Amino acid sequence: MINLFDKIADSIYFLVSRSMDSNITFIKSGDHHILIDTGTGMNYAALDKYLQNIGSSHSSITDIVLTHSHIDHIGGVIPIVESWSPKIHLHKAEAEPINNGNMSQTLADTFGADLPPLTIEGILEEGTILDFGDIKMKVYHTPGHSLGSICLMILDTGILITGDTLFPGGSFGRTDFPGGNERSLVNSLKRISEMTFEVGLPGHMNSMKFNAKKSANASYQMAKQILLH
């Protein structure tokens, strides 16, 4: 993780990872300091420094919204909750197993990571509105990469956080992990391609600051051709 946060819009910042970490979005809205995804946690100290550069810190985070629970997105939650108690939000398809002590969907064991039990307070589902004062986000359930993958539309901004469902350049999330499903992913990409948005913030790779809709359609067409041949 070597890049500093890039300012996407007022109070919305995006950190592109060059490591195994996921990308991370930070949003400040009044007293709300929100992280969208957290990386693996291996770059905890660097992330805290980057947050301080934009007027926040790990100990200021009030909410963590996860686009899904794979270890490269959820791992960074652990060092934060060890010293602080933000509210964690995750789709119910992955939150409920975690709350019951089943961490298998995180893939922690697959990658040799030690992930202790977590409590997910914010149980998300299709259509949930996350109200953070001036910033509000709508949840779209977009399975395929994982059972509980979501996209988040930041209302009235034209910004869509796409997680590991949609990537730039015609790319898209893999489906070969447990809970992945090729047809579901194609259906989710079709849905995204029909949404109205201007900027896409993916879970990996660079932001789609321009022609995000064109990129979404390219990913849908590519996935349909490759996955449903």
C-alpha atoms as a PDB file:
ATOM      1  CA  MET A   1       0.000   0.000   0.000  1.00  0.00           C
ATOM      2  CA  ILE A   2       2.083   2.900  -1.230  1.00  0.00           C
ATOM      3  CA  ASN A   3      -0.413   5.398  -2.612  1.00  0.00           C
ATOM      4  CA  LEU A   4      -1.956   8.168  -0.576  1.00  0.00           C
ATOM      5  CA  PHE A   5      -5.705   8.713  -0.599  1.00  0.00           C
ATOM      6  CA  ASP A   6      -6.981  10.344  -3.781  1.00  0.00           C
ATOM      7  CA  LYS A   7      -9.778  12.867  -3.277  1.00  0.00           C
ATOM      8  CA  ILE A   8     -12.699  11.731  -5.437  1.00  0.00           C
ATOM      9  CA  ALA A   9     -15.244  14.295  -4.221  1.00  0.00           C
ATOM     10  CA  ASP A  10     -15.864  16.408  -1.133  1.00  0.00           C
ATOM     11  CA  SER A  11     -15.152  14.183   1.879  1.00  0.00           C
ATOM     12  CA  ILE A  12     -14.730  11.042  -0.287  1.00  0.00           C
ATOM     13  CA  TYR A  13     -11.230   9.580  -0.642  1.00  0.00           C
ATOM     14  CA  PHE A  14      -9.927   6.478  -2.423  1.00  0.00           C
ATOM     15  CA  LEU A  15      -6.764   4.522  -1.706  1.00  0.00           C
ATOM     16  CA  VAL A  16      -5.478   2.230  -4.463  1.00  0.00           C
ATOM     17  CA  SER A  17      -3.534  -0.758  -3.167  1.00  0.00           C
ATOM     18  CA  ARG A  18      -0.474  -2.106  -4.928  1.00  0.00           C
ATOM     19  CA  SER A  19      -0.218  -5.077  -2.582  1.00  0.00           C
ATOM     20  CA  MET A  20      -2.500  -7.970  -1.618  1.00  0.00           C
ATOM     21  CA  ASP A  21      -4.756  -5.496   0.162  1.00  0.00           C
ATOM     22  CA  SER A  22      -8.065  -4.395  -1.244  1.00  0.00           C
ATOM     23  CA  ASN A  23      -8.565  -0.775  -2.178  1.00  0.00           C
ATOM     24  CA  ILE A  24     -10.020   1.341   0.617  1.00  0.00           C
ATOM     25  CA  THR A  25     -12.528   4.193   0.475  1.00  0.00           C
ATOM     26  CA  PHE A  26     -12.719   6.728   3.292  1.00  0.00           C
ATOM     27  CA  ILE A  27     -15.701   9.035   3.787  1.00  0.00           C
ATOM     28  CA  LYS A  28     -16.096  11.793   6.346  1.00  0.00           C
ATOM     29  CA  SER A  29     -19.602  13.056   7.022  1.00  0.00           C
ATOM     30  CA  GLY A  30     -19.973  15.168  10.137  1.00  0.00           C
ATOM     31  CA  ASP A  31     -19.036  12.979  13.088  1.00  0.00           C
ATOM     32  CA  HIS A  32     -19.078   9.878  10.888  1.00  0.00           C
ATOM     33  CA  HIS A  33     -15.691   8.545   9.773  1.00  0.00           C
ATOM     34  CA  ILE A  34     -16.348   5.596   7.472  1.00  0.00           C
ATOM     35  CA  LEU A  35     -14.098   3.006   5.860  1.00  0.00           C
ATOM     36  CA  ILE A  36     -15.331   0.962   2.937  1.00  0.00           C
ATOM     37  CA  ASP A  37     -13.205  -2.209   3.115  1.00  0.00           C
ATOM     38  CA  THR A  38     -10.011  -2.352   5.180  1.00  0.00           C
ATOM     39  CA  GLY A  39      -7.381  -4.414   3.379  1.00  0.00           C
ATOM     40  CA  THR A  40      -5.628  -7.370   5.011  1.00  0.00           C
ATOM     41  CA  GLY A  41      -4.430  -5.474   8.060  1.00  0.00           C
ATOM     42  CA  MET A  42      -0.785  -6.061   7.173  1.00  0.00           C
ATOM     43  CA  ASN A  43      -0.419  -2.358   6.345  1.00  0.00           C
ATOM     44  CA  TYR A  44      -2.200  -1.141   9.465  1.00  0.00           C
ATOM     45  CA  ALA A  45       0.415   1.454  10.426  1.00  0.00           C
ATOM     46  CA  ALA A  46       0.637   2.923   6.926  1.00  0.00           C
ATOM     47  CA  LEU A  47      -3.152   3.178   6.656  1.00  0.00           C
ATOM     48  CA  ASP A  48      -3.330   4.998   9.980  1.00  0.00           C
ATOM     49  CA  LYS A  49      -0.723   7.471   8.739  1.00  0.00           C
ATOM     50  CA  TYR A  50      -2.639   8.038   5.501  1.00  0.00           C
ATOM     51  CA  LEU A  51      -5.841   8.597   7.462  1.00  0.00           C
ATOM     52  CA  GLN A  52      -4.091  11.143   9.656  1.00  0.00           C
ATOM     53  CA  ASN A  53      -3.035  13.023   6.523  1.00  0.00           C
ATOM     54  CA  ILE A  54      -6.725  13.591   5.693  1.00  0.00           C
ATOM     55  CA  GLY A  55      -7.868  14.451   9.194  1.00  0.00           C
ATOM     56  CA  SER A  56      -8.793  11.051  10.592  1.00  0.00           C
ATOM     57  CA  SER A  57      -7.177   7.977  12.198  1.00  0.00           C
ATOM     58  CA  HIS A  58      -7.987   4.402  13.098  1.00  0.00           C
ATOM     59  CA  SER A  59      -9.312   5.552  16.470  1.00  0.00           C
ATOM     60  CA  SER A  60     -11.673   8.002  14.739  1.00  0.00           C
ATOM     61  CA  ILE A  61     -13.405   5.396  12.573  1.00  0.00           C
ATOM     62  CA  THR A  62     -17.083   5.067  13.504  1.00  0.00           C
ATOM     63  CA  ASP A  63     -18.230   2.654  10.793  1.00  0.00           C
ATOM     64  CA  ILE A  64     -16.702  -0.014   8.556  1.00  0.00           C
ATOM     65  CA  VAL A  65     -18.744  -1.149   5.561  1.00  0.00           C
ATOM     66  CA  LEU A  66     -17.487  -4.300   3.865  1.00  0.00           C
ATOM     67  CA  THR A  67     -18.277  -5.032   0.236  1.00  0.00           C
ATOM     68  CA  HIS A  68     -17.736  -8.694   1.163  1.00  0.00           C
ATOM     69  CA  SER A  69     -15.832 -10.662   3.768  1.00  0.00           C
ATOM     70  CA  HIS A  70     -12.790 -12.065   1.955  1.00  0.00           C
ATOM     71  CA  ILE A  71      -9.632 -11.716   4.026  1.00  0.00           C
ATOM     72  CA  ASP A  72      -8.111  -9.010   1.794  1.00  0.00           C
ATOM     73  CA  HIS A  73     -11.108  -6.783   2.594  1.00  0.00           C
ATOM     74  CA  ILE A  74     -11.988  -7.758   6.174  1.00  0.00           C
ATOM     75  CA  GLY A  75      -8.535  -8.467   7.666  1.00  0.00           C
ATOM     76  CA  GLY A  76      -7.863  -4.808   8.448  1.00  0.00           C
ATOM     77  CA  VAL A  77     -10.871  -4.782  10.755  1.00  0.00           C
ATOM     78  CA  ILE A  78      -8.959  -6.781  13.366  1.00  0.00           C
ATOM     79  CA  PRO A  79      -6.294  -4.225  14.399  1.00  0.00           C
ATOM     80  CA  ILE A  80      -8.963  -1.516  14.466  1.00  0.00           C
ATOM     81  CA  VAL A  81     -11.419  -3.364  16.716  1.00  0.00           C
ATOM     82  CA  GLU A  82      -8.600  -4.393  19.052  1.00  0.00           C
ATOM     83  CA  SER A  83      -8.326  -0.785  20.175  1.00  0.00           C
ATOM     84  CA  TRP A  84     -11.635   0.768  19.117  1.00  0.00           C
ATOM     85  CA  SER A  85     -15.257  -0.254  18.516  1.00  0.00           C
ATOM     86  CA  PRO A  86     -16.604   0.910  15.144  1.00  0.00           C
ATOM     87  CA  LYS A  87     -19.859  -0.552  13.847  1.00  0.00           C
ATOM     88  CA  ILE A  88     -19.207  -3.159  11.165  1.00  0.00           C
ATOM     89  CA  HIS A  89     -21.654  -3.546   8.273  1.00  0.00           C
ATOM     90  CA  LEU A  90     -21.843  -6.584   5.958  1.00  0.00           C
ATOM     91  CA  HIS A  91     -24.473  -8.326   3.829  1.00  0.00           C
ATOM     92  CA  LYS A  92     -26.502 -10.858   5.788  1.00  0.00           C
ATOM     93  CA  ALA A  93     -25.399 -13.780   3.574  1.00  0.00           C
ATOM     94  CA  GLU A  94     -21.910 -13.419   5.032  1.00  0.00           C
ATOM     95  CA  ALA A  95     -22.622 -11.563   8.282  1.00  0.00           C
ATOM     96  CA  GLU A  96     -24.890 -14.214   9.771  1.00  0.00           C
ATOM     97  CA  PRO A  97     -22.369 -17.074   9.437  1.00  0.00           C
ATOM     98  CA  ILE A  98     -19.634 -14.873  10.928  1.00  0.00           C
ATOM     99  CA  ASN A  99     -21.882 -13.969  13.852  1.00  0.00           C
ATOM    100  CA  ASN A 100     -22.426 -17.702  14.375  1.00  0.00           C
ATOM    101  CA  GLY A 101     -18.671 -18.307  14.492  1.00  0.00           C
ATOM    102  CA  ASN A 102     -18.305 -19.621  10.934  1.00  0.00           C
ATOM    103  CA  MET A 103     -15.413 -17.719   9.340  1.00  0.00           C
ATOM    104  CA  SER A 104     -15.087 -19.953   6.255  1.00  0.00           C
ATOM    105  CA  GLN A 105     -16.333 -17.337   3.779  1.00  0.00           C
ATOM    106  CA  THR A 106     -13.476 -15.024   4.760  1.00  0.00           C
ATOM    107  CA  LEU A 107     -11.011 -17.499   3.166  1.00  0.00           C
ATOM    108  CA  ALA A 108      -8.660 -16.851   6.082  1.00  0.00           C
ATOM    109  CA  ASP A 109      -7.742 -20.540   6.344  1.00  0.00           C
ATOM    110  CA  THR A 110      -7.127 -20.730   2.591  1.00  0.00           C
ATOM    111  CA  PHE A 111      -4.528 -17.978   2.821  1.00  0.00           C
ATOM    112  CA  GLY A 112      -3.035 -19.049   6.133  1.00  0.00           C
ATOM    113  CA  ALA A 113      -4.376 -16.060   8.055  1.00  0.00           C
ATOM    114  CA  ASP A 114      -5.506 -16.031  11.662  1.00  0.00           C
ATOM    115  CA  LEU A 115      -8.851 -14.260  11.882  1.00  0.00           C
ATOM    116  CA  PRO A 116     -10.508 -14.211  15.312  1.00  0.00           C
ATOM    117  CA  PRO A 117     -14.290 -14.156  15.768  1.00  0.00           C
ATOM    118  CA  LEU A 118     -16.058 -10.908  14.906  1.00  0.00           C
ATOM    119  CA  THR A 119     -19.446  -9.399  15.641  1.00  0.00           C
ATOM    120  CA  ILE A 120     -21.233  -7.789  12.703  1.00  0.00           C
ATOM    121  CA  GLU A 121     -23.828  -5.320  13.995  1.00  0.00           C
ATOM    122  CA  GLY A 122     -24.898  -3.787  10.695  1.00  0.00           C
ATOM    123  CA  ILE A 123     -26.728  -6.544   8.802  1.00  0.00           C
ATOM    124  CA  LEU A 124     -27.188  -5.365   5.214  1.00  0.00           C
ATOM    125  CA  GLU A 125     -29.562  -6.519   2.523  1.00  0.00           C
ATOM    126  CA  GLU A 126     -30.799  -5.380  -0.863  1.00  0.00           C
ATOM    127  CA  GLY A 127     -32.078  -1.810  -0.667  1.00  0.00           C
ATOM    128  CA  THR A 128     -30.642  -0.946   2.765  1.00  0.00           C
ATOM    129  CA  ILE A 129     -29.958   2.781   3.092  1.00  0.00           C
ATOM    130  CA  LEU A 130     -26.917   3.631   5.191  1.00  0.00           C
ATOM    131  CA  ASP A 131     -27.563   7.100   6.602  1.00  0.00           C
ATOM    132  CA  PHE A 132     -24.402   8.922   7.618  1.00  0.00           C
ATOM    133  CA  GLY A 133     -25.863  12.405   7.760  1.00  0.00           C
ATOM    134  CA  ASP A 134     -24.922  14.303   4.618  1.00  0.00           C
ATOM    135  CA  ILE A 135     -23.726  11.064   3.026  1.00  0.00           C
ATOM    136  CA  LYS A 136     -26.215   8.304   2.312  1.00  0.00           C
ATOM    137  CA  MET A 137     -25.473   5.015   0.565  1.00  0.00           C
ATOM    138  CA  LYS A 138     -27.809   2.472  -0.984  1.00  0.00           C
ATOM    139  CA  VAL A 139     -26.923  -1.220  -0.884  1.00  0.00           C
ATOM    140  CA  TYR A 140     -27.203  -3.351  -4.022  1.00  0.00           C
ATOM    141  CA  HIS A 141     -26.730  -7.082  -3.530  1.00  0.00           C
ATOM    142  CA  THR A 142     -24.451  -8.216  -6.362  1.00  0.00           C
ATOM    143  CA  PRO A 143     -23.498 -11.863  -5.736  1.00  0.00           C
ATOM    144  CA  GLY A 144     -21.183 -13.868  -7.945  1.00  0.00           C
ATOM    145  CA  HIS A 145     -17.730 -13.173  -6.565  1.00  0.00           C
ATOM    146  CA  SER A 146     -19.091 -14.179  -3.159  1.00  0.00           C
ATOM    147  CA  LEU A 147     -22.519 -14.876  -1.702  1.00  0.00           C
ATOM    148  CA  GLY A 148     -22.825 -11.523   0.026  1.00  0.00           C
ATOM    149  CA  SER A 149     -21.003  -9.197  -2.355  1.00  0.00           C
ATOM    150  CA  ILE A 150     -22.516  -5.728  -2.541  1.00  0.00           C
ATOM    151  CA  CYS A 151     -22.144  -2.493  -4.439  1.00  0.00           C
ATOM    152  CA  LEU A 152     -22.784   0.834  -2.727  1.00  0.00           C
ATOM    153  CA  MET A 153     -24.307   3.824  -4.495  1.00  0.00           C
ATOM    154  CA  ILE A 154     -23.345   7.043  -2.740  1.00  0.00           C
ATOM    155  CA  LEU A 155     -26.590   8.895  -3.320  1.00  0.00           C
ATOM    156  CA  ASP A 156     -26.584  12.205  -5.184  1.00  0.00           C
ATOM    157  CA  THR A 157     -22.901  11.907  -6.116  1.00  0.00           C
ATOM    158  CA  GLY A 158     -22.852   9.616  -9.163  1.00  0.00           C
ATOM    159  CA  ILE A 159     -20.295   7.402  -7.348  1.00  0.00           C
ATOM    160  CA  LEU A 160     -20.695   3.620  -7.207  1.00  0.00           C
ATOM    161  CA  ILE A 161     -18.423   1.487  -5.008  1.00  0.00           C
ATOM    162  CA  THR A 162     -18.220  -1.798  -6.893  1.00  0.00           C
ATOM    163  CA  GLY A 163     -16.193  -4.066  -4.609  1.00  0.00           C
ATOM    164  CA  ASP A 164     -14.858  -7.155  -6.358  1.00  0.00           C
ATOM    165  CA  THR A 165     -17.788  -7.409  -8.761  1.00  0.00           C
ATOM    166  CA  LEU A 166     -16.718  -4.809 -11.323  1.00  0.00           C
ATOM    167  CA  PHE A 167     -13.162  -3.788 -12.205  1.00  0.00           C
ATOM    168  CA  PRO A 168     -11.968  -1.365 -14.910  1.00  0.00           C
ATOM    169  CA  GLY A 169     -10.934  -2.300 -18.434  1.00  0.00           C
ATOM    170  CA  GLY A 170     -13.530  -5.008 -18.961  1.00  0.00           C
ATOM    171  CA  SER A 171     -12.367  -6.932 -15.892  1.00  0.00           C
ATOM    172  CA  PHE A 172     -14.503  -8.507 -13.184  1.00  0.00           C
ATOM    173  CA  GLY A 173     -14.258 -10.546 -10.008  1.00  0.00           C
ATOM    174  CA  ARG A 174     -13.236 -14.188  -9.995  1.00  0.00           C
ATOM    175  CA  THR A 175     -15.810 -16.867  -9.243  1.00  0.00           C
ATOM    176  CA  ASP A 176     -13.653 -19.836  -8.240  1.00  0.00           C
ATOM    177  CA  PHE A 177     -13.680 -19.219  -4.483  1.00  0.00           C
ATOM    178  CA  PRO A 178     -16.334 -20.852  -2.265  1.00  0.00           C
ATOM    179  CA  GLY A 179     -19.608 -18.992  -2.724  1.00  0.00           C
ATOM    180  CA  GLY A 180     -18.665 -17.821  -6.198  1.00  0.00           C
ATOM    181  CA  ASN A 181     -21.068 -18.363  -9.066  1.00  0.00           C
ATOM    182  CA  GLU A 182     -20.508 -17.514 -12.721  1.00  0.00           C
ATOM    183  CA  ARG A 183     -24.124 -16.924 -13.701  1.00  0.00           C
ATOM    184  CA  SER A 184     -24.754 -14.809 -10.618  1.00  0.00           C
ATOM    185  CA  LEU A 185     -21.737 -12.653 -11.438  1.00  0.00           C
ATOM    186  CA  VAL A 186     -22.889 -12.112 -15.020  1.00  0.00           C
ATOM    187  CA  ASN A 187     -26.344 -11.154 -13.751  1.00  0.00           C
ATOM    188  CA  SER A 188     -24.812  -8.733 -11.252  1.00  0.00           C
ATOM    189  CA  LEU A 189     -22.635  -7.142 -13.942  1.00  0.00           C
ATOM    190  CA  LYS A 190     -25.676  -6.783 -16.184  1.00  0.00           C
ATOM    191  CA  ARG A 191     -27.464  -5.017 -13.376  1.00  0.00           C
ATOM    192  CA  ILE A 192     -24.552  -2.655 -12.779  1.00  0.00           C
ATOM    193  CA  SER A 193     -24.306  -1.889 -16.501  1.00  0.00           C
ATOM    194  CA  GLU A 194     -27.907  -0.669 -16.361  1.00  0.00           C
ATOM    195  CA  MET A 195     -27.346   1.640 -13.374  1.00  0.00           C
ATOM    196  CA  THR A 196     -26.777   5.379 -13.671  1.00  0.00           C
ATOM    197  CA  PHE A 197     -23.398   6.440 -12.278  1.00  0.00           C
ATOM    198  CA  GLU A 198     -20.358   8.421 -13.383  1.00  0.00           C
ATOM    199  CA  VAL A 199     -17.501   7.163 -11.184  1.00  0.00           C
ATOM    200  CA  GLY A 200     -16.730   3.590 -10.160  1.00  0.00           C
ATOM    201  CA  LEU A 201     -14.535   2.701  -7.183  1.00  0.00           C
ATOM    202  CA  PRO A 202     -13.507  -0.975  -7.397  1.00  0.00           C
ATOM    203  CA  GLY A 203     -12.080  -3.323  -4.783  1.00  0.00           C
ATOM    204  CA  HIS A 204      -8.835  -3.680  -6.764  1.00  0.00           C
ATOM    205  CA  MET A 205      -7.169  -1.820  -9.642  1.00  0.00           C
ATOM    206  CA  ASN A 206      -7.604   1.873 -10.396  1.00  0.00           C
ATOM    207  CA  SER A 207     -10.719   3.971 -10.011  1.00  0.00           C
ATOM    208  CA  MET A 208     -13.022   4.423 -12.970  1.00  0.00           C
ATOM    209  CA  LYS A 209     -13.167   8.211 -12.922  1.00  0.00           C
ATOM    210  CA  PHE A 210     -14.209   8.529 -16.534  1.00  0.00           C
ATOM    211  CA  ASN A 211     -16.541   6.427 -18.672  1.00  0.00           C
ATOM    212  CA  ALA A 212     -17.445   4.187 -15.741  1.00  0.00           C
ATOM    213  CA  LYS A 213     -20.667   3.147 -17.459  1.00  0.00           C
ATOM    214  CA  LYS A 214     -18.725   2.186 -20.569  1.00  0.00           C
ATOM    215  CA  SER A 215     -16.366   0.143 -18.422  1.00  0.00           C
ATOM    216  CA  ALA A 216     -19.305  -1.562 -16.712  1.00  0.00           C
ATOM    217  CA  ASN A 217     -20.833  -2.562 -20.021  1.00  0.00           C
ATOM    218  CA  ALA A 218     -17.467  -3.859 -21.262  1.00  0.00           C
ATOM    219  CA  SER A 219     -17.104  -6.009 -18.137  1.00  0.00           C
ATOM    220  CA  TYR A 220     -20.619  -7.368 -18.526  1.00  0.00           C
ATOM    221  CA  GLN A 221     -20.077  -8.271 -22.177  1.00  0.00           C
ATOM    222  CA  MET A 222     -16.693  -9.845 -21.430  1.00  0.00           C
ATOM    223  CA  ALA A 223     -18.019 -11.879 -18.507  1.00  0.00           C
ATOM    224  CA  LYS A 224     -21.005 -13.075 -20.508  1.00  0.00           C
ATOM    225  CA  GLN A 225     -18.700 -14.214 -23.308  1.00  0.00           C
ATOM    226  CA  ILE A 226     -16.144 -15.924 -21.051  1.00  0.00           C
ATOM    227  CA  LEU A 227     -18.289 -17.345 -18.248  1.00  0.00           C
ATOM    228  CA  LEU A 228     -21.414 -18.362 -20.131  1.00  0.00           C
ATOM    229  CA  HIS A 229     -19.852 -19.733 -23.313  1.00  0.00           C
END
